[in-house]
Amino acid sequence: KTDAGLYTCDIGTDVAKSKVSVQEKPTEVAKQLEDKTSPAGQDISLSCELSKADVTIRWYKDGKAIRKSQKYDLQQEGTRATLIIRDSTVKDS
């Protein structure tokens, strides 16, 4: 984005001008989530890699937003986003 601006080519007797706009690439999922199977009672960790760091993400289960709680831990470091499901039960499937 810092390359955006007005550029000119000046030959003394004439000037050519160009306005340059730079659009950021959208964030993409670089590494998908993997299916997991776990015995009940264990913590389950799901992670995905994003194409950019410091992007706001939201986790969902069956279309319902997941919030940080005693049951769920949401972590994000750089391009890695992680959801930890604590003390898993069959209802977490």
PDB file of N, CA and C in Angstrom:
ATOM      1  N   LYS A   1       0.811  -1.199   0.000  1.00  0.00           N
ATOM      2  CA  LYS A   1       0.000   0.000   0.000  1.00  0.00           C
ATOM      3  C   LYS A   1       0.851   1.258   0.000  1.00  0.00           C
ATOM      4  N   THR A   2       2.075   1.168   0.515  1.00  0.00           N
ATOM      5  CA  THR A   2       2.927   2.360   0.585  1.00  0.00           C
ATOM      6  C   THR A   2       3.397   2.807  -0.795  1.00  0.00           C
ATOM      7  N   ASP A   3       3.228   1.965  -1.818  1.00  0.00           N
ATOM      8  CA  ASP A   3       3.609   2.338  -3.184  1.00  0.00           C
ATOM      9  C   ASP A   3       2.518   3.120  -3.906  1.00  0.00           C
ATOM     10  N   ALA A   4       1.351   3.265  -3.284  1.00  0.00           N
ATOM     11  CA  ALA A   4       0.266   4.021  -3.909  1.00  0.00           C
ATOM     12  C   ALA A   4       0.643   5.500  -3.963  1.00  0.00           C
ATOM     13  N   GLY A   5       0.183   6.186  -5.025  1.00  0.00           N
ATOM     14  CA  GLY A   5       0.437   7.625  -5.138  1.00  0.00           C
ATOM     15  C   GLY A   5       0.431   8.067  -6.588  1.00  0.00           C
ATOM     16  N   LEU A   6       0.839   9.307  -6.813  1.00  0.00           N
ATOM     17  CA  LEU A   6       0.897   9.875  -8.153  1.00  0.00           C
ATOM     18  C   LEU A   6       2.332   9.795  -8.662  1.00  0.00           C
ATOM     19  N   TYR A   7       2.511   9.146  -9.789  1.00  0.00           N
ATOM     20  CA  TYR A   7       3.820   9.000 -10.418  1.00  0.00           C
ATOM     21  C   TYR A   7       3.859   9.853 -11.673  1.00  0.00           C
ATOM     22  N   THR A   8       5.013  10.463 -11.927  1.00  0.00           N
ATOM     23  CA  THR A   8       5.161  11.296 -13.125  1.00  0.00           C
ATOM     24  C   THR A   8       6.439  10.940 -13.872  1.00  0.00           C
ATOM     25  N   CYS A   9       6.369  11.124 -15.182  1.00  0.00           N
ATOM     26  CA  CYS A   9       7.535  10.976 -16.045  1.00  0.00           C
ATOM     27  C   CYS A   9       7.714  12.345 -16.719  1.00  0.00           C
ATOM     28  N   ASP A  10       8.738  13.064 -16.339  1.00  0.00           N
ATOM     29  CA  ASP A  10       8.948  14.436 -16.800  1.00  0.00           C
ATOM     30  C   ASP A  10      10.125  14.476 -17.772  1.00  0.00           C
ATOM     31  N   ILE A  11       9.878  14.932 -19.010  1.00  0.00           N
ATOM     32  CA  ILE A  11      10.955  15.033 -20.004  1.00  0.00           C
ATOM     33  C   ILE A  11      11.307  16.494 -20.296  1.00  0.00           C
ATOM     34  N   GLY A  12      10.845  17.390 -19.439  1.00  0.00           N
ATOM     35  CA  GLY A  12      11.150  18.811 -19.621  1.00  0.00           C
ATOM     36  C   GLY A  12      10.077  19.539 -20.410  1.00  0.00           C
ATOM     37  N   THR A  13       9.737  19.037 -21.604  1.00  0.00           N
ATOM     38  CA  THR A  13       8.726  19.692 -22.437  1.00  0.00           C
ATOM     39  C   THR A  13       7.348  19.057 -22.289  1.00  0.00           C
ATOM     40  N   ASP A  14       7.286  17.922 -21.649  1.00  0.00           N
ATOM     41  CA  ASP A  14       6.015  17.227 -21.473  1.00  0.00           C
ATOM     42  C   ASP A  14       6.088  16.353 -20.222  1.00  0.00           C
ATOM     43  N   VAL A  15       4.924  16.091 -19.638  1.00  0.00           N
ATOM     44  CA  VAL A  15       4.859  15.278 -18.422  1.00  0.00           C
ATOM     45  C   VAL A  15       3.749  14.242 -18.595  1.00  0.00           C
ATOM     46  N   ALA A  16       4.058  13.029 -18.232  1.00  0.00           N
ATOM     47  CA  ALA A  16       3.052  11.966 -18.186  1.00  0.00           C
ATOM     48  C   ALA A  16       2.805  11.642 -16.722  1.00  0.00           C
ATOM     49  N   LYS A  17       1.529  11.416 -16.372  1.00  0.00           N
ATOM     50  CA  LYS A  17       1.164  11.160 -14.985  1.00  0.00           C
ATOM     51  C   LYS A  17       0.366   9.870 -14.872  1.00  0.00           C
ATOM     52  N   SER A  18       0.541   9.208 -13.754  1.00  0.00           N
ATOM     53  CA  SER A  18      -0.210   7.986 -13.480  1.00  0.00           C
ATOM     54  C   SER A  18      -0.529   7.931 -11.994  1.00  0.00           C
ATOM     55  N   LYS A  19      -1.802   7.677 -11.692  1.00  0.00           N
ATOM     56  CA  LYS A  19      -2.212   7.473 -10.309  1.00  0.00           C
ATOM     57  C   LYS A  19      -2.213   5.968 -10.053  1.00  0.00           C
ATOM     58  N   VAL A  20      -1.450   5.535  -9.053  1.00  0.00           N
ATOM     59  CA  VAL A  20      -1.315   4.118  -8.752  1.00  0.00           C
ATOM     60  C   VAL A  20      -2.035   3.815  -7.434  1.00  0.00           C
ATOM     61  N   SER A  21      -2.920   2.824  -7.480  1.00  0.00           N
ATOM     62  CA  SER A  21      -3.605   2.321  -6.289  1.00  0.00           C
ATOM     63  C   SER A  21      -3.182   0.873  -6.089  1.00  0.00           C
ATOM     64  N   VAL A  22      -2.926   0.504  -4.857  1.00  0.00           N
ATOM     65  CA  VAL A  22      -2.527  -0.868  -4.553  1.00  0.00           C
ATOM     66  C   VAL A  22      -3.544  -1.440  -3.572  1.00  0.00           C
ATOM     67  N   GLN A  23      -4.196  -2.515  -3.980  1.00  0.00           N
ATOM     68  CA  GLN A  23      -5.172  -3.164  -3.119  1.00  0.00           C
ATOM     69  C   GLN A  23      -4.528  -4.368  -2.443  1.00  0.00           C
ATOM     70  N   GLU A  24      -4.794  -4.482  -1.135  1.00  0.00           N
ATOM     71  CA  GLU A  24      -4.245  -5.627  -0.402  1.00  0.00           C
ATOM     72  C   GLU A  24      -4.920  -6.911  -0.855  1.00  0.00           C
ATOM     73  N   LYS A  25      -4.135  -7.976  -0.893  1.00  0.00           N
ATOM     74  CA  LYS A  25      -4.693  -9.290  -1.206  1.00  0.00           C
ATOM     75  C   LYS A  25      -5.562  -9.724  -0.035  1.00  0.00           C
ATOM     76  N   PRO A  26      -6.686 -10.357  -0.318  1.00  0.00           N
ATOM     77  CA  PRO A  26      -7.522 -10.831   0.794  1.00  0.00           C
ATOM     78  C   PRO A  26      -6.822 -11.943   1.559  1.00  0.00           C
ATOM     79  N   THR A  27      -7.151 -12.045   2.826  1.00  0.00           N
ATOM     80  CA  THR A  27      -6.595 -13.119   3.641  1.00  0.00           C
ATOM     81  C   THR A  27      -7.207 -14.449   3.205  1.00  0.00           C
ATOM     82  N   GLU A  28      -6.380 -15.463   3.129  1.00  0.00           N
ATOM     83  CA  GLU A  28      -6.833 -16.790   2.747  1.00  0.00           C
ATOM     84  C   GLU A  28      -6.381 -17.805   3.786  1.00  0.00           C
ATOM     85  N   VAL A  29      -7.059 -18.927   3.816  1.00  0.00           N
ATOM     86  CA  VAL A  29      -6.632 -20.033   4.669  1.00  0.00           C
ATOM     87  C   VAL A  29      -5.531 -20.774   3.917  1.00  0.00           C
ATOM     88  N   ALA A  30      -4.312 -20.727   4.458  1.00  0.00           N
ATOM     89  CA  ALA A  30      -3.159 -21.350   3.804  1.00  0.00           C
ATOM     90  C   ALA A  30      -3.075 -22.845   4.124  1.00  0.00           C
ATOM     91  N   LYS A  31      -3.543 -23.232   5.310  1.00  0.00           N
ATOM     92  CA  LYS A  31      -3.563 -24.650   5.697  1.00  0.00           C
ATOM     93  C   LYS A  31      -4.896 -24.922   6.368  1.00  0.00           C
ATOM     94  N   GLN A  32      -5.646 -25.857   5.799  1.00  0.00           N
ATOM     95  CA  GLN A  32      -6.990 -26.171   6.269  1.00  0.00           C
ATOM     96  C   GLN A  32      -6.976 -26.888   7.623  1.00  0.00           C
ATOM     97  N   LEU A  33      -8.150 -26.892   8.272  1.00  0.00           N
ATOM     98  CA  LEU A  33      -8.328 -27.678   9.491  1.00  0.00           C
ATOM     99  C   LEU A  33      -8.279 -29.165   9.134  1.00  0.00           C
ATOM    100  N   GLU A  34      -7.831 -29.970  10.061  1.00  0.00           N
ATOM    101  CA  GLU A  34      -7.793 -31.420   9.864  1.00  0.00           C
ATOM    102  C   GLU A  34      -8.857 -32.067  10.750  1.00  0.00           C
ATOM    103  N   ASP A  35      -9.495 -33.124  10.231  1.00  0.00           N
ATOM    104  CA  ASP A  35     -10.459 -33.874  11.033  1.00  0.00           C
ATOM    105  C   ASP A  35      -9.734 -34.514  12.213  1.00  0.00           C
ATOM    106  N   LYS A  36     -10.421 -34.574  13.343  1.00  0.00           N
ATOM    107  CA  LYS A  36      -9.820 -35.150  14.561  1.00  0.00           C
ATOM    108  C   LYS A  36     -10.778 -36.159  15.179  1.00  0.00           C
ATOM    109  N   THR A  37     -10.219 -37.192  15.784  1.00  0.00           N
ATOM    110  CA  THR A  37     -10.961 -38.160  16.575  1.00  0.00           C
ATOM    111  C   THR A  37     -10.235 -38.275  17.911  1.00  0.00           C
ATOM    112  N   SER A  38     -11.005 -38.232  18.996  1.00  0.00           N
ATOM    113  CA  SER A  38     -10.381 -38.244  20.313  1.00  0.00           C
ATOM    114  C   SER A  38     -11.279 -38.971  21.308  1.00  0.00           C
ATOM    115  N   PRO A  39     -10.689 -39.647  22.274  1.00  0.00           N
ATOM    116  CA  PRO A  39     -11.508 -40.234  23.341  1.00  0.00           C
ATOM    117  C   PRO A  39     -12.132 -39.119  24.184  1.00  0.00           C
ATOM    118  N   ALA A  40     -13.332 -39.364  24.694  1.00  0.00           N
ATOM    119  CA  ALA A  40     -13.990 -38.388  25.565  1.00  0.00           C
ATOM    120  C   ALA A  40     -13.095 -38.067  26.757  1.00  0.00           C
ATOM    121  N   GLY A  41     -13.145 -36.821  27.185  1.00  0.00           N
ATOM    122  CA  GLY A  41     -12.362 -36.393  28.352  1.00  0.00           C
ATOM    123  C   GLY A  41     -11.039 -35.746  28.004  1.00  0.00           C
ATOM    124  N   GLN A  42     -10.569 -35.907  26.773  1.00  0.00           N
ATOM    125  CA  GLN A  42      -9.303 -35.293  26.375  1.00  0.00           C
ATOM    126  C   GLN A  42      -9.547 -33.931  25.711  1.00  0.00           C
ATOM    127  N   ASP A  43      -8.530 -33.086  25.760  1.00  0.00           N
ATOM    128  CA  ASP A  43      -8.583 -31.814  25.048  1.00  0.00           C
ATOM    129  C   ASP A  43      -8.334 -32.068  23.561  1.00  0.00           C
ATOM    130  N   ILE A  44      -9.008 -31.302  22.723  1.00  0.00           N
ATOM    131  CA  ILE A  44      -8.827 -31.397  21.274  1.00  0.00           C
ATOM    132  C   ILE A  44      -8.353 -30.043  20.772  1.00  0.00           C
ATOM    133  N   SER A  45      -7.321 -30.042  19.953  1.00  0.00           N
ATOM    134  CA  SER A  45      -6.765 -28.813  19.395  1.00  0.00           C
ATOM    135  C   SER A  45      -6.963 -28.791  17.879  1.00  0.00           C
ATOM    136  N   LEU A  46      -7.587 -27.729  17.382  1.00  0.00           N
ATOM    137  CA  LEU A  46      -7.768 -27.524  15.946  1.00  0.00           C
ATOM    138  C   LEU A  46      -6.995 -26.275  15.552  1.00  0.00           C
ATOM    139  N   SER A  47      -6.182 -26.373  14.488  1.00  0.00           N
ATOM    140  CA  SER A  47      -5.387 -25.223  14.048  1.00  0.00           C
ATOM    141  C   SER A  47      -5.482 -25.043  12.544  1.00  0.00           C
ATOM    142  N   CYS A  48      -5.454 -23.789  12.121  1.00  0.00           N
ATOM    143  CA  CYS A  48      -5.354 -23.489  10.696  1.00  0.00           C
ATOM    144  C   CYS A  48      -4.326 -22.371  10.518  1.00  0.00           C
ATOM    145  N   GLU A  49      -3.730 -22.333   9.352  1.00  0.00           N
ATOM    146  CA  GLU A  49      -2.743 -21.305   9.005  1.00  0.00           C
ATOM    147  C   GLU A  49      -3.390 -20.318   8.045  1.00  0.00           C
ATOM    148  N   LEU A  50      -3.149 -19.042   8.282  1.00  0.00           N
ATOM    149  CA  LEU A  50      -3.681 -17.978   7.439  1.00  0.00           C
ATOM    150  C   LEU A  50      -2.576 -17.379   6.584  1.00  0.00           C
ATOM    151  N   SER A  51      -2.947 -16.707   5.514  1.00  0.00           N
ATOM    152  CA  SER A  51      -1.942 -16.107   4.626  1.00  0.00           C
ATOM    153  C   SER A  51      -1.359 -14.820   5.195  1.00  0.00           C
ATOM    154  N   LYS A  52      -2.019 -14.236   6.206  1.00  0.00           N
ATOM    155  CA  LYS A  52      -1.527 -13.015   6.849  1.00  0.00           C
ATOM    156  C   LYS A  52      -1.687 -13.128   8.356  1.00  0.00           C
ATOM    157  N   ALA A  53      -0.829 -12.419   9.072  1.00  0.00           N
ATOM    158  CA  ALA A  53      -0.904 -12.391  10.533  1.00  0.00           C
ATOM    159  C   ALA A  53      -1.866 -11.291  10.989  1.00  0.00           C
ATOM    160  N   ASP A  54      -2.240 -11.376  12.245  1.00  0.00           N
ATOM    161  CA  ASP A  54      -3.059 -10.342  12.898  1.00  0.00           C
ATOM    162  C   ASP A  54      -4.379 -10.072  12.193  1.00  0.00           C
ATOM    163  N   VAL A  55      -5.056 -11.141  11.802  1.00  0.00           N
ATOM    164  CA  VAL A  55      -6.363 -11.046  11.167  1.00  0.00           C
ATOM    165  C   VAL A  55      -7.408 -11.492  12.187  1.00  0.00           C
ATOM    166  N   THR A  56      -8.500 -10.762  12.277  1.00  0.00           N
ATOM    167  CA  THR A  56      -9.565 -11.153  13.184  1.00  0.00           C
ATOM    168  C   THR A  56     -10.292 -12.366  12.606  1.00  0.00           C
ATOM    169  N   ILE A  57     -10.375 -13.416  13.397  1.00  0.00           N
ATOM    170  CA  ILE A  57     -11.077 -14.621  12.946  1.00  0.00           C
ATOM    171  C   ILE A  57     -12.170 -14.963  13.949  1.00  0.00           C
ATOM    172  N   ARG A  58     -13.122 -15.767  13.512  1.00  0.00           N
ATOM    173  CA  ARG A  58     -14.189 -16.253  14.369  1.00  0.00           C
ATOM    174  C   ARG A  58     -14.283 -17.767  14.196  1.00  0.00           C
ATOM    175  N   TRP A  59     -14.498 -18.451  15.289  1.00  0.00           N
ATOM    176  CA  TRP A  59     -14.705 -19.896  15.270  1.00  0.00           C
ATOM    177  C   TRP A  59     -16.188 -20.179  15.429  1.00  0.00           C
ATOM    178  N   TYR A  60     -16.670 -21.226  14.733  1.00  0.00           N
ATOM    179  CA  TYR A  60     -18.073 -21.622  14.799  1.00  0.00           C
ATOM    180  C   TYR A  60     -18.174 -23.131  14.954  1.00  0.00           C
ATOM    181  N   LYS A  61     -19.240 -23.565  15.628  1.00  0.00           N
ATOM    182  CA  LYS A  61     -19.592 -24.986  15.681  1.00  0.00           C
ATOM    183  C   LYS A  61     -21.050 -25.090  15.250  1.00  0.00           C
ATOM    184  N   ASP A  62     -21.279 -25.830  14.182  1.00  0.00           N
ATOM    185  CA  ASP A  62     -22.639 -25.992  13.644  1.00  0.00           C
ATOM    186  C   ASP A  62     -23.316 -24.643  13.406  1.00  0.00           C
ATOM    187  N   GLY A  63     -22.546 -23.654  12.934  1.00  0.00           N
ATOM    188  CA  GLY A  63     -23.090 -22.343  12.602  1.00  0.00           C
ATOM    189  C   GLY A  63     -23.231 -21.388  13.771  1.00  0.00           C
ATOM    190  N   LYS A  64     -22.917 -21.832  14.971  1.00  0.00           N
ATOM    191  CA  LYS A  64     -23.038 -20.991  16.159  1.00  0.00           C
ATOM    192  C   LYS A  64     -21.653 -20.529  16.610  1.00  0.00           C
ATOM    193  N   ALA A  65     -21.506 -19.231  16.856  1.00  0.00           N
ATOM    194  CA  ALA A  65     -20.210 -18.650  17.232  1.00  0.00           C
ATOM    195  C   ALA A  65     -19.694 -19.247  18.542  1.00  0.00           C
ATOM    196  N   ILE A  66     -18.391 -19.502  18.580  1.00  0.00           N
ATOM    197  CA  ILE A  66     -17.721 -19.994  19.781  1.00  0.00           C
ATOM    198  C   ILE A  66     -16.996 -18.820  20.432  1.00  0.00           C
ATOM    199  N   ARG A  67     -17.184 -18.701  21.737  1.00  0.00           N
ATOM    200  CA  ARG A  67     -16.492 -17.650  22.490  1.00  0.00           C
ATOM    201  C   ARG A  67     -15.546 -18.300  23.500  1.00  0.00           C
ATOM    202  N   LYS A  68     -14.509 -17.565  23.866  1.00  0.00           N
ATOM    203  CA  LYS A  68     -13.555 -18.070  24.851  1.00  0.00           C
ATOM    204  C   LYS A  68     -14.286 -18.298  26.168  1.00  0.00           C
ATOM    205  N   SER A  69     -14.041 -19.475  26.765  1.00  0.00           N
ATOM    206  CA  SER A  69     -14.710 -19.839  28.010  1.00  0.00           C
ATOM    207  C   SER A  69     -13.895 -20.931  28.689  1.00  0.00           C
ATOM    208  N   GLN A  70     -14.464 -21.517  29.754  1.00  0.00           N
ATOM    209  CA  GLN A  70     -13.780 -22.648  30.384  1.00  0.00           C
ATOM    210  C   GLN A  70     -13.732 -23.829  29.425  1.00  0.00           C
ATOM    211  N   LYS A  71     -14.707 -23.928  28.534  1.00  0.00           N
ATOM    212  CA  LYS A  71     -14.792 -25.029  27.579  1.00  0.00           C
ATOM    213  C   LYS A  71     -13.879 -24.813  26.378  1.00  0.00           C
ATOM    214  N   TYR A  72     -13.809 -23.570  25.888  1.00  0.00           N
ATOM    215  CA  TYR A  72     -13.069 -23.273  24.657  1.00  0.00           C
ATOM    216  C   TYR A  72     -11.965 -22.246  24.913  1.00  0.00           C
ATOM    217  N   ASP A  73     -10.785 -22.536  24.375  1.00  0.00           N
ATOM    218  CA  ASP A  73      -9.679 -21.580  24.418  1.00  0.00           C
ATOM    219  C   ASP A  73      -9.369 -21.191  22.976  1.00  0.00           C
ATOM    220  N   LEU A  74      -9.377 -19.899  22.687  1.00  0.00           N
ATOM    221  CA  LEU A  74      -9.088 -19.387  21.350  1.00  0.00           C
ATOM    222  C   LEU A  74      -7.733 -18.706  21.386  1.00  0.00           C
ATOM    223  N   GLN A  75      -6.834 -19.147  20.528  1.00  0.00           N
ATOM    224  CA  GLN A  75      -5.484 -18.583  20.489  1.00  0.00           C
ATOM    225  C   GLN A  75      -5.142 -18.161  19.073  1.00  0.00           C
ATOM    226  N   GLN A  76      -4.308 -17.128  18.983  1.00  0.00           N
ATOM    227  CA  GLN A  76      -3.822 -16.710  17.672  1.00  0.00           C
ATOM    228  C   GLN A  76      -2.414 -16.161  17.834  1.00  0.00           C
ATOM    229  N   GLU A  77      -1.483 -16.793  17.117  1.00  0.00           N
ATOM    230  CA  GLU A  77      -0.082 -16.367  17.117  1.00  0.00           C
ATOM    231  C   GLU A  77       0.373 -16.246  15.690  1.00  0.00           C
ATOM    232  N   GLY A  78       0.687 -15.043  15.269  1.00  0.00           N
ATOM    233  CA  GLY A  78       1.125 -14.835  13.894  1.00  0.00           C
ATOM    234  C   GLY A  78       0.044 -15.266  12.930  1.00  0.00           C
ATOM    235  N   THR A  79       0.386 -16.223  12.070  1.00  0.00           N
ATOM    236  CA  THR A  79      -0.566 -16.689  11.069  1.00  0.00           C
ATOM    237  C   THR A  79      -1.325 -17.949  11.502  1.00  0.00           C
ATOM    238  N   ARG A  80      -1.085 -18.429  12.716  1.00  0.00           N
ATOM    239  CA  ARG A  80      -1.735 -19.655  13.191  1.00  0.00           C
ATOM    240  C   ARG A  80      -2.888 -19.307  14.138  1.00  0.00           C
ATOM    241  N   ALA A  81      -4.059 -19.865  13.845  1.00  0.00           N
ATOM    242  CA  ALA A  81      -5.238 -19.722  14.699  1.00  0.00           C
ATOM    243  C   ALA A  81      -5.558 -21.093  15.277  1.00  0.00           C
ATOM    244  N   THR A  82      -5.776 -21.150  16.592  1.00  0.00           N
ATOM    245  CA  THR A  82      -5.998 -22.427  17.264  1.00  0.00           C
ATOM    246  C   THR A  82      -7.221 -22.363  18.158  1.00  0.00           C
ATOM    247  N   LEU A  83      -8.025 -23.413  18.082  1.00  0.00           N
ATOM    248  CA  LEU A  83      -9.161 -23.610  18.983  1.00  0.00           C
ATOM    249  C   LEU A  83      -8.863 -24.846  19.813  1.00  0.00           C
ATOM    250  N   ILE A  84      -8.951 -24.710  21.139  1.00  0.00           N
ATOM    251  CA  ILE A  84      -8.760 -25.850  22.035  1.00  0.00           C
ATOM    252  C   ILE A  84     -10.098 -26.130  22.708  1.00  0.00           C
ATOM    253  N   ILE A  85     -10.569 -27.358  22.530  1.00  0.00           N
ATOM    254  CA  ILE A  85     -11.813 -27.809  23.170  1.00  0.00           C
ATOM    255  C   ILE A  85     -11.404 -28.589  24.398  1.00  0.00           C
ATOM    256  N   ARG A  86     -11.728 -28.080  25.567  1.00  0.00           N
ATOM    257  CA  ARG A  86     -11.318 -28.704  26.822  1.00  0.00           C
ATOM    258  C   ARG A  86     -12.283 -29.821  27.225  1.00  0.00           C
ATOM    259  N   ASP A  87     -11.722 -30.881  27.795  1.00  0.00           N
ATOM    260  CA  ASP A  87     -12.516 -31.980  28.372  1.00  0.00           C
ATOM    261  C   ASP A  87     -13.632 -32.400  27.393  1.00  0.00           C
ATOM    262  N   SER A  88     -13.251 -32.865  26.225  1.00  0.00           N
ATOM    263  CA  SER A  88     -14.209 -33.177  25.152  1.00  0.00           C
ATOM    264  C   SER A  88     -15.255 -34.206  25.572  1.00  0.00           C
ATOM    265  N   THR A  89     -16.449 -34.015  25.025  1.00  0.00           N
ATOM    266  CA  THR A  89     -17.553 -34.961  25.222  1.00  0.00           C
ATOM    267  C   THR A  89     -18.134 -35.306  23.848  1.00  0.00           C
ATOM    268  N   VAL A  90     -19.023 -36.288  23.816  1.00  0.00           N
ATOM    269  CA  VAL A  90     -19.658 -36.679  22.554  1.00  0.00           C
ATOM    270  C   VAL A  90     -20.400 -35.484  21.951  1.00  0.00           C
ATOM    271  N   LYS A  91     -20.920 -34.591  22.781  1.00  0.00           N
ATOM    272  CA  LYS A  91     -21.642 -33.400  22.296  1.00  0.00           C
ATOM    273  C   LYS A  91     -20.729 -32.470  21.493  1.00  0.00           C
ATOM    274  N   ASP A  92     -19.418 -32.603  21.629  1.00  0.00           N
ATOM    275  CA  ASP A  92     -18.477 -31.761  20.873  1.00  0.00           C
ATOM    276  C   ASP A  92     -18.296 -32.230  19.433  1.00  0.00           C
ATOM    277  N   SER A  93     -18.835 -33.389  19.106  1.00  0.00           N
ATOM    278  CA  SER A  93     -18.720 -33.902  17.731  1.00  0.00           C
ATOM    279  C   SER A  93     -19.485 -33.004  16.774  1.00  0.00           C
TER     280      SER A  93
END
